[in-house]
Protein backbone atom coordinates (compact mmCIF):
# COMPACT_ATOMS: atom_id res chain seq x y z
CA MET A 1 0.00 0.00 0.00
CA GLY A 2 1.42 3.39 -0.90
CA LYS A 3 2.17 6.21 1.50
CA ALA A 4 -0.81 8.26 0.31
CA LYS A 5 -3.21 5.38 0.86
CA VAL A 6 -1.81 4.62 4.32
CA ASN A 7 -2.19 8.28 5.30
CA MET A 8 -5.73 8.33 3.91
CA VAL A 9 -6.69 5.29 6.00
CA ILE A 10 -5.19 6.83 9.13
CA ARG A 11 -7.02 10.13 8.50
CA PHE A 12 -10.26 8.20 8.04
CA LEU A 13 -9.77 6.32 11.31
CA LYS A 14 -8.99 9.52 13.20
CA GLY A 15 -12.14 11.05 11.76
CA MET A 16 -14.05 8.00 12.92
CA GLN A 17 -12.71 8.52 16.43
CA ALA A 18 -13.97 12.10 16.42
CA GLU A 19 -17.35 11.05 15.04
CA LYS A 20 -17.75 8.39 17.74
CA VAL A 21 -17.14 11.03 20.41
CA ASN A 22 -19.57 13.44 18.72
CA VAL A 23 -22.33 10.84 18.41
CA LEU A 24 -21.87 8.74 21.55
CA GLY A 25 -20.24 11.22 23.89
CA GLU A 26 -16.78 11.00 25.36
CA ASP A 27 -17.56 8.42 28.05
CA GLU A 28 -19.46 5.98 25.83
CA ALA A 29 -16.98 6.31 22.98
CA LYS A 30 -13.88 5.77 25.12
CA ALA A 31 -13.51 2.01 24.47
CA ASP A 32 -14.12 2.43 20.73
CA VAL A 33 -11.68 5.32 20.49
CA GLU A 34 -9.00 3.28 22.28
CA GLN A 35 -9.58 0.30 19.99
CA ILE A 36 -9.36 2.49 16.88
CA GLN A 37 -6.15 4.05 18.25
CA LYS A 38 -4.61 0.59 18.57
CA VAL A 39 -5.49 -0.09 14.93
CA ILE A 40 -3.89 3.23 13.90
CA GLU A 41 -0.72 2.36 15.82
CA ASP A 42 -0.63 -1.12 14.27
CA ILE A 43 -0.94 0.35 10.78
CA GLU A 44 1.80 2.88 11.51
CA LEU A 45 4.14 0.15 12.76
CA PHE A 46 3.38 -2.21 9.88
CA TYR A 47 3.88 0.48 7.22
CA GLU A 48 6.64 2.36 9.07
CA ALA A 49 9.12 2.15 6.19
CA GLU A 50 6.62 3.55 3.70
CA LEU A 51 5.65 6.40 6.01
CA GLU A 52 9.28 7.55 6.46
CA ASP A 53 9.74 8.55 2.81
């Protein structure tokens, strides 16, 4: 996956985190936001070499 696509996926997931908080409220969205953050971190680690360019 190219750098642009990886960044697009990460931006989408961050937007999803914000939307969860907006819709569910901070307390109810906390577990979902944490889970999405773990996915973001996993993607960043997996595609680390591509993101460095």
